[in-house]
PDB file of N, CA and C in Angstrom:
ATOM      1  N   UNK A   1      84.006 125.067  69.182  1.00  0.00           N
ATOM      2  CA  UNK A   1      83.715 125.941  70.282  1.00  0.00           C
ATOM      3  C   UNK A   1      82.423 126.676  69.987  1.00  0.00           C
ATOM      4  N   UNK A   2      81.502 126.583  70.900  1.00  0.00           N
ATOM      5  CA  UNK A   2      80.216 127.243  70.711  1.00  0.00           C
ATOM      6  C   UNK A   2      80.164 128.515  71.547  1.00  0.00           C
ATOM      7  N   UNK A   3      79.445 129.462  71.043  1.00  0.00           N
ATOM      8  CA  UNK A   3      79.254 130.697  71.799  1.00  0.00           C
ATOM      9  C   UNK A   3      77.810 130.751  72.260  1.00  0.00           C
ATOM     10  N   UNK A   4      77.666 131.106  73.509  1.00  0.00           N
ATOM     11  CA  UNK A   4      76.315 131.251  74.045  1.00  0.00           C
ATOM     12  C   UNK A   4      76.338 132.401  75.039  1.00  0.00           C
ATOM     13  N   UNK A   5      75.180 132.939  75.269  1.00  0.00           N
ATOM     14  CA  UNK A   5      75.080 134.047  76.215  1.00  0.00           C
ATOM     15  C   UNK A   5      75.076 133.490  77.635  1.00  0.00           C
ATOM     16  N   UNK A   6      75.826 134.152  78.494  1.00  0.00           N
ATOM     17  CA  UNK A   6      75.868 133.736  79.891  1.00  0.00           C
ATOM     18  C   UNK A   6      74.724 134.392  80.647  1.00  0.00           C
ATOM     19  N   UNK A   7      74.172 133.635  81.572  1.00  0.00           N
ATOM     20  CA  UNK A   7      73.107 134.179  82.396  1.00  0.00           C
ATOM     21  C   UNK A   7      73.675 135.067  83.502  1.00  0.00           C
ATOM     22  N   UNK A   8      72.771 135.771  84.176  1.00  0.00           N
ATOM     23  CA  UNK A   8      73.197 136.679  85.240  1.00  0.00           C
ATOM     24  C   UNK A   8      73.867 135.917  86.374  1.00  0.00           C
ATOM     25  N   UNK A   9      73.392 134.736  86.686  1.00  0.00           N
ATOM     26  CA  UNK A   9      73.989 133.950  87.777  1.00  0.00           C
ATOM     27  C   UNK A   9      75.427 133.553  87.441  1.00  0.00           C
ATOM     28  N   UNK A  10      75.691 133.202  86.198  1.00  0.00           N
ATOM     29  CA  UNK A  10      77.060 132.849  85.801  1.00  0.00           C
ATOM     30  C   UNK A  10      77.988 134.062  85.862  1.00  0.00           C
ATOM     31  N   UNK A  11      77.494 135.207  85.440  1.00  0.00           N
ATOM     32  CA  UNK A  11      78.312 136.424  85.504  1.00  0.00           C
ATOM     33  C   UNK A  11      78.583 136.820  86.945  1.00  0.00           C
ATOM     34  N   UNK A  12      77.581 136.696  87.809  1.00  0.00           N
ATOM     35  CA  UNK A  12      77.773 137.011  89.222  1.00  0.00           C
ATOM     36  C   UNK A  12      78.766 136.049  89.873  1.00  0.00           C
ATOM     37  N   UNK A  13      78.678 134.782  89.527  1.00  0.00           N
ATOM     38  CA  UNK A  13      79.609 133.796  90.090  1.00  0.00           C
ATOM     39  C   UNK A  13      81.042 134.098  89.665  1.00  0.00           C
ATOM     40  N   UNK A  14      81.224 134.496  88.425  1.00  0.00           N
ATOM     41  CA  UNK A  14      82.564 134.830  87.951  1.00  0.00           C
ATOM     42  C   UNK A  14      83.089 136.089  88.641  1.00  0.00           C
ATOM     43  N   UNK A  15      82.234 137.062  88.862  1.00  0.00           N
ATOM     44  CA  UNK A  15      82.635 138.279  89.565  1.00  0.00           C
ATOM     45  C   UNK A  15      83.069 137.972  90.992  1.00  0.00           C
ATOM     46  N   UNK A  16      82.316 137.136  91.677  1.00  0.00           N
ATOM     47  CA  UNK A  16      82.671 136.743  93.037  1.00  0.00           C
ATOM     48  C   UNK A  16      83.983 135.966  93.029  1.00  0.00           C
ATOM     49  N   UNK A  17      84.158 135.094  92.068  1.00  0.00           N
ATOM     50  CA  UNK A  17      85.384 134.292  92.000  1.00  0.00           C
ATOM     51  C   UNK A  17      86.609 135.167  91.731  1.00  0.00           C
ATOM     52  N   UNK A  18      86.476 136.158  90.879  1.00  0.00           N
ATOM     53  CA  UNK A  18      87.583 137.080  90.615  1.00  0.00           C
ATOM     54  C   UNK A  18      87.918 137.870  91.878  1.00  0.00           C
ATOM     55  N   UNK A  19      86.902 138.335  92.571  1.00  0.00           N
ATOM     56  CA  UNK A  19      87.128 139.058  93.823  1.00  0.00           C
ATOM     57  C   UNK A  19      87.826 138.199  94.854  1.00  0.00           C
ATOM     58  N   UNK A  20      87.385 136.952  94.985  1.00  0.00           N
ATOM     59  CA  UNK A  20      88.020 136.030  95.925  1.00  0.00           C
ATOM     60  C   UNK A  20      89.471 135.773  95.527  1.00  0.00           C
ATOM     61  N   UNK A  21      89.717 135.587  94.246  1.00  0.00           N
ATOM     62  CA  UNK A  21      91.077 135.319  93.785  1.00  0.00           C
ATOM     63  C   UNK A  21      91.993 136.495  94.094  1.00  0.00           C
ATOM     64  N   UNK A  22      91.543 137.715  93.844  1.00  0.00           N
ATOM     65  CA  UNK A  22      92.370 138.895  94.104  1.00  0.00           C
ATOM     66  C   UNK A  22      92.584 139.118  95.595  1.00  0.00           C
ATOM     67  N   UNK A  23      91.539 138.950  96.393  1.00  0.00           N
ATOM     68  CA  UNK A  23      91.666 139.145  97.836  1.00  0.00           C
ATOM     69  C   UNK A  23      92.594 138.113  98.462  1.00  0.00           C
ATOM     70  N   UNK A  24      92.433 136.853  98.086  1.00  0.00           N
ATOM     71  CA  UNK A  24      93.303 135.820  98.654  1.00  0.00           C
ATOM     72  C   UNK A  24      94.742 135.972  98.159  1.00  0.00           C
ATOM     73  N   UNK A  25      94.927 136.471  96.937  1.00  0.00           N
ATOM     74  CA  UNK A  25      96.277 136.707  96.427  1.00  0.00           C
ATOM     75  C   UNK A  25      96.953 137.844  97.188  1.00  0.00           C
ATOM     76  N   UNK A  26      96.210 138.897  97.481  1.00  0.00           N
ATOM     77  CA  UNK A  26      96.780 140.007  98.268  1.00  0.00           C
ATOM     78  C   UNK A  26      97.157 139.538  99.667  1.00  0.00           C
ATOM     79  N   UNK A  27      96.318 138.746 100.280  1.00  0.00           N
ATOM     80  CA  UNK A  27      96.616 138.228 101.618  1.00  0.00           C
ATOM     81  C   UNK A  27      97.855 137.339 101.584  1.00  0.00           C
ATOM     82  N   UNK A  28      97.917 136.438 100.614  1.00  0.00           N
ATOM     83  CA  UNK A  28      99.079 135.559 100.494  1.00  0.00           C
ATOM     84  C   UNK A  28     100.345 136.369 100.247  1.00  0.00           C
ATOM     85  N   UNK A  29     100.285 137.338  99.370  1.00  0.00           N
ATOM     86  CA  UNK A  29     101.448 138.179  99.088  1.00  0.00           C
ATOM     87  C   UNK A  29     101.921 138.923 100.320  1.00  0.00           C
ATOM     88  N   UNK A  30     100.979 139.446 101.105  1.00  0.00           N
ATOM     89  CA  UNK A  30     101.349 140.178 102.323  1.00  0.00           C
ATOM     90  C   UNK A  30     101.983 139.259 103.360  1.00  0.00           C
ATOM     91  N   UNK A  31     101.449 138.055 103.501  1.00  0.00           N
ATOM     92  CA  UNK A  31     102.012 137.110 104.471  1.00  0.00           C
ATOM     93  C   UNK A  31     103.411 136.680 104.056  1.00  0.00           C
ATOM     94  N   UNK A  32     103.604 136.391 102.786  1.00  0.00           N
ATOM     95  CA  UNK A  32     104.922 135.979 102.305  1.00  0.00           C
ATOM     96  C   UNK A  32     105.926 137.122 102.451  1.00  0.00           C
ATOM     97  N   UNK A  33     105.509 138.337 102.097  1.00  0.00           N
ATOM     98  CA  UNK A  33     106.404 139.485 102.253  1.00  0.00           C
ATOM     99  C   UNK A  33     106.783 139.678 103.719  1.00  0.00           C
ATOM    100  N   UNK A  34     105.818 139.592 104.607  1.00  0.00           N
ATOM    101  CA  UNK A  34     106.098 139.776 106.032  1.00  0.00           C
ATOM    102  C   UNK A  34     107.002 138.679 106.575  1.00  0.00           C
ATOM    103  N   UNK A  35     106.829 137.475 106.090  1.00  0.00           N
ATOM    104  CA  UNK A  35     107.666 136.366 106.576  1.00  0.00           C
ATOM    105  C   UNK A  35     109.112 136.525 106.120  1.00  0.00           C
ATOM    106  N   UNK A  36     109.307 136.999 104.903  1.00  0.00           N
ATOM    107  CA  UNK A  36     110.675 137.117 104.382  1.00  0.00           C
ATOM    108  C   UNK A  36     111.327 138.428 104.828  1.00  0.00           C
ATOM    109  N   UNK A  37     110.603 139.531 104.752  1.00  0.00           N
ATOM    110  CA  UNK A  37     111.191 140.833 105.068  1.00  0.00           C
ATOM    111  C   UNK A  37     110.976 141.239 106.527  1.00  0.00           C
ATOM    112  N   UNK A  38     110.248 140.455 107.287  1.00  0.00           N
ATOM    113  CA  UNK A  38     109.978 140.775 108.682  1.00  0.00           C
ATOM    114  C   UNK A  38     111.210 140.965 109.547  1.00  0.00           C
ATOM    115  N   UNK A  39     112.238 140.139 109.392  1.00  0.00           N
ATOM    116  CA  UNK A  39     113.435 140.330 110.220  1.00  0.00           C
ATOM    117  C   UNK A  39     114.091 141.704 110.078  1.00  0.00           C
ATOM    118  N   UNK A  40     113.854 142.376 108.972  1.00  0.00           N
ATOM    119  CA  UNK A  40     114.416 143.720 108.779  1.00  0.00           C
ATOM    120  C   UNK A  40     113.844 144.680 109.824  1.00  0.00           C
ATOM    121  N   UNK A  41     112.569 144.522 110.167  1.00  0.00           N
ATOM    122  CA  UNK A  41     111.929 145.400 111.138  1.00  0.00           C
ATOM    123  C   UNK A  41     112.323 145.058 112.569  1.00  0.00           C
ATOM    124  N   UNK A  42     112.787 143.830 112.800  1.00  0.00           N
ATOM    125  CA  UNK A  42     113.074 143.382 114.160  1.00  0.00           C
ATOM    126  C   UNK A  42     114.547 143.538 114.519  1.00  0.00           C
ATOM    127  N   UNK A  43     115.431 143.143 113.627  1.00  0.00           N
ATOM    128  CA  UNK A  43     116.857 143.127 113.932  1.00  0.00           C
ATOM    129  C   UNK A  43     117.609 144.171 113.117  1.00  0.00           C
ATOM    130  N   UNK A  44     118.760 144.546 113.631  1.00  0.00           N
ATOM    131  CA  UNK A  44     119.646 145.474 112.937  1.00  0.00           C
ATOM    132  C   UNK A  44     120.582 144.656 112.052  1.00  0.00           C
ATOM    133  N   UNK A  45     120.251 144.586 110.775  1.00  0.00           N
ATOM    134  CA  UNK A  45     121.022 143.777 109.827  1.00  0.00           C
ATOM    135  C   UNK A  45     121.872 144.689 108.951  1.00  0.00           C
ATOM    136  N   UNK A  46     122.907 144.149 108.325  1.00  0.00           N
ATOM    137  CA  UNK A  46     123.693 144.964 107.378  1.00  0.00           C
ATOM    138  C   UNK A  46     122.812 145.504 106.252  1.00  0.00           C
ATOM    139  N   UNK A  47     123.135 146.696 105.755  1.00  0.00           N
ATOM    140  CA  UNK A  47     122.308 147.377 104.763  1.00  0.00           C
ATOM    141  C   UNK A  47     122.025 146.581 103.511  1.00  0.00           C
ATOM    142  N   UNK A  48     123.036 145.935 102.962  1.00  0.00           N
ATOM    143  CA  UNK A  48     122.840 145.152 101.744  1.00  0.00           C
ATOM    144  C   UNK A  48     121.923 143.965 101.968  1.00  0.00           C
ATOM    145  N   UNK A  49     122.034 143.350 103.140  1.00  0.00           N
ATOM    146  CA  UNK A  49     121.187 142.200 103.451  1.00  0.00           C
ATOM    147  C   UNK A  49     119.742 142.634 103.670  1.00  0.00           C
ATOM    148  N   UNK A  50     119.553 143.811 104.283  1.00  0.00           N
ATOM    149  CA  UNK A  50     118.194 144.341 104.458  1.00  0.00           C
ATOM    150  C   UNK A  50     117.534 144.584 103.101  1.00  0.00           C
ATOM    151  N   UNK A  51     118.281 145.207 102.204  1.00  0.00           N
ATOM    152  CA  UNK A  51     117.745 145.469 100.864  1.00  0.00           C
ATOM    153  C   UNK A  51     117.398 144.172 100.148  1.00  0.00           C
ATOM    154  N   UNK A  52     118.261 143.172 100.299  1.00  0.00           N
ATOM    155  CA  UNK A  52     118.010 141.879  99.666  1.00  0.00           C
ATOM    156  C   UNK A  52     116.738 141.240 100.211  1.00  0.00           C
ATOM    157  N   UNK A  53     116.545 141.274 101.530  1.00  0.00           N
ATOM    158  CA  UNK A  53     115.356 140.656 102.119  1.00  0.00           C
ATOM    159  C   UNK A  53     114.078 141.365 101.676  1.00  0.00           C
ATOM    160  N   UNK A  54     114.109 142.680 101.615  1.00  0.00           N
ATOM    161  CA  UNK A  54     112.921 143.418 101.173  1.00  0.00           C
ATOM    162  C   UNK A  54     112.620 143.110  99.702  1.00  0.00           C
ATOM    163  N   UNK A  55     113.652 143.097  98.871  1.00  0.00           N
ATOM    164  CA  UNK A  55     113.451 142.787  97.456  1.00  0.00           C
ATOM    165  C   UNK A  55     112.980 141.347  97.261  1.00  0.00           C
ATOM    166  N   UNK A  56     113.578 140.419  97.994  1.00  0.00           N
ATOM    167  CA  UNK A  56     113.168 139.017  97.884  1.00  0.00           C
ATOM    168  C   UNK A  56     111.733 138.831  98.370  1.00  0.00           C
ATOM    169  N   UNK A  57     111.364 139.496  99.457  1.00  0.00           N
ATOM    170  CA  UNK A  57     109.993 139.394  99.963  1.00  0.00           C
ATOM    171  C   UNK A  57     108.979 139.953  98.992  1.00  0.00           C
ATOM    172  N   UNK A  58     109.303 141.103  98.402  1.00  0.00           N
ATOM    173  CA  UNK A  58     108.384 141.704  97.432  1.00  0.00           C
ATOM    174  C   UNK A  58     108.261 140.838  96.177  1.00  0.00           C
ATOM    175  N   UNK A  59     109.377 140.296  95.724  1.00  0.00           N
ATOM    176  CA  UNK A  59     109.356 139.456  94.520  1.00  0.00           C
ATOM    177  C   UNK A  59     108.562 138.172  94.757  1.00  0.00           C
ATOM    178  N   UNK A  60     108.866 137.498  95.854  1.00  0.00           N
ATOM    179  CA  UNK A  60     108.164 136.238  96.138  1.00  0.00           C
ATOM    180  C   UNK A  60     106.683 136.482  96.412  1.00  0.00           C
ATOM    181  N   UNK A  61     106.366 137.546  97.123  1.00  0.00           N
ATOM    182  CA  UNK A  61     104.961 137.866  97.377  1.00  0.00           C
ATOM    183  C   UNK A  61     104.197 138.142  96.097  1.00  0.00           C
ATOM    184  N   UNK A  62     104.809 138.885  95.182  1.00  0.00           N
ATOM    185  CA  UNK A  62     104.161 139.173  93.903  1.00  0.00           C
ATOM    186  C   UNK A  62     103.971 137.947  93.034  1.00  0.00           C
ATOM    187  N   UNK A  63     105.016 137.129  92.963  1.00  0.00           N
ATOM    188  CA  UNK A  63     104.932 135.913  92.135  1.00  0.00           C
ATOM    189  C   UNK A  63     103.899 134.941  92.696  1.00  0.00           C
ATOM    190  N   UNK A  64     103.942 134.708  94.002  1.00  0.00           N
ATOM    191  CA  UNK A  64     102.983 133.774  94.589  1.00  0.00           C
ATOM    192  C   UNK A  64     101.560 134.323  94.535  1.00  0.00           C
ATOM    193  N   UNK A  65     101.392 135.641  94.645  1.00  0.00           N
ATOM    194  CA  UNK A  65     100.070 136.229  94.499  1.00  0.00           C
ATOM    195  C   UNK A  65      99.511 136.025  93.091  1.00  0.00           C
ATOM    196  N   UNK A  66     100.346 136.239  92.088  1.00  0.00           N
ATOM    197  CA  UNK A  66      99.905 136.023  90.707  1.00  0.00           C
ATOM    198  C   UNK A  66      99.566 134.552  90.460  1.00  0.00           C
ATOM    199  N   UNK A  67     100.374 133.660  91.003  1.00  0.00           N
ATOM    200  CA  UNK A  67     100.081 132.229  90.854  1.00  0.00           C
ATOM    201  C   UNK A  67      98.773 131.854  91.548  1.00  0.00           C
ATOM    202  N   UNK A  68      98.489 132.507  92.669  1.00  0.00           N
ATOM    203  CA  UNK A  68      97.240 132.236  93.375  1.00  0.00           C
ATOM    204  C   UNK A  68      96.037 132.647  92.521  1.00  0.00           C
ATOM    205  N   UNK A  69      96.117 133.799  91.890  1.00  0.00           N
ATOM    206  CA  UNK A  69      95.016 134.255  91.031  1.00  0.00           C
ATOM    207  C   UNK A  69      94.799 133.264  89.893  1.00  0.00           C
ATOM    208  N   UNK A  70      95.874 132.862  89.243  1.00  0.00           N
ATOM    209  CA  UNK A  70      95.763 131.914  88.130  1.00  0.00           C
ATOM    210  C   UNK A  70      95.170 130.599  88.611  1.00  0.00           C
ATOM    211  N   UNK A  71      95.625 130.111  89.741  1.00  0.00           N
ATOM    212  CA  UNK A  71      95.148 128.822  90.259  1.00  0.00           C
ATOM    213  C   UNK A  71      93.648 128.874  90.582  1.00  0.00           C
ATOM    214  N   UNK A  72      93.218 129.913  91.281  1.00  0.00           N
ATOM    215  CA  UNK A  72      91.802 130.008  91.661  1.00  0.00           C
ATOM    216  C   UNK A  72      90.919 130.117  90.431  1.00  0.00           C
ATOM    217  N   UNK A  73      91.304 130.960  89.478  1.00  0.00           N
ATOM    218  CA  UNK A  73      90.467 131.122  88.288  1.00  0.00           C
ATOM    219  C   UNK A  73      90.499 129.884  87.397  1.00  0.00           C
ATOM    220  N   UNK A  74      91.619 129.195  87.356  1.00  0.00           N
ATOM    221  CA  UNK A  74      91.705 127.960  86.580  1.00  0.00           C
ATOM    222  C   UNK A  74      90.770 126.906  87.184  1.00  0.00           C
ATOM    223  N   UNK A  75      90.788 126.788  88.513  1.00  0.00           N
ATOM    224  CA  UNK A  75      89.908 125.804  89.176  1.00  0.00           C
ATOM    225  C   UNK A  75      88.447 126.166  88.939  1.00  0.00           C
ATOM    226  N   UNK A  76      88.118 127.442  88.973  1.00  0.00           N
ATOM    227  CA  UNK A  76      86.737 127.847  88.724  1.00  0.00           C
ATOM    228  C   UNK A  76      86.302 127.480  87.310  1.00  0.00           C
ATOM    229  N   UNK A  77      87.179 127.705  86.339  1.00  0.00           N
ATOM    230  CA  UNK A  77      86.857 127.353  84.969  1.00  0.00           C
ATOM    231  C   UNK A  77      86.726 125.856  84.760  1.00  0.00           C
ATOM    232  N   UNK A  78      87.530 125.091  85.467  1.00  0.00           N
ATOM    233  CA  UNK A  78      87.480 123.644  85.355  1.00  0.00           C
ATOM    234  C   UNK A  78      86.203 123.085  85.976  1.00  0.00           C
ATOM    235  N   UNK A  79      85.755 123.669  87.078  1.00  0.00           N
ATOM    236  CA  UNK A  79      84.556 123.185  87.773  1.00  0.00           C
ATOM    237  C   UNK A  79      83.261 123.591  87.079  1.00  0.00           C
ATOM    238  N   UNK A  80      83.353 124.558  86.182  1.00  0.00           N
ATOM    239  CA  UNK A  80      82.160 125.012  85.466  1.00  0.00           C
ATOM    240  C   UNK A  80      81.800 124.025  84.457  1.00  0.00           C
TER     241      UNK A  80
END
């Protein structure tokens, strides 16, 4: 493994890629949360089921958001 100094263009590209990864992960997480927990806002569901849907939506949104960040940054590293 060799070490070399990165140029300004490479650092800027990585900064943009990190920003894109975080923004797209937040969007994906919000869409997944809304899709799973959305029925809670529309219908009158039993209390335990409402709590389950909100927890499941938050969990799935967080996990898929983290996977999105890893995927985008992995692809960027592979293409470099």
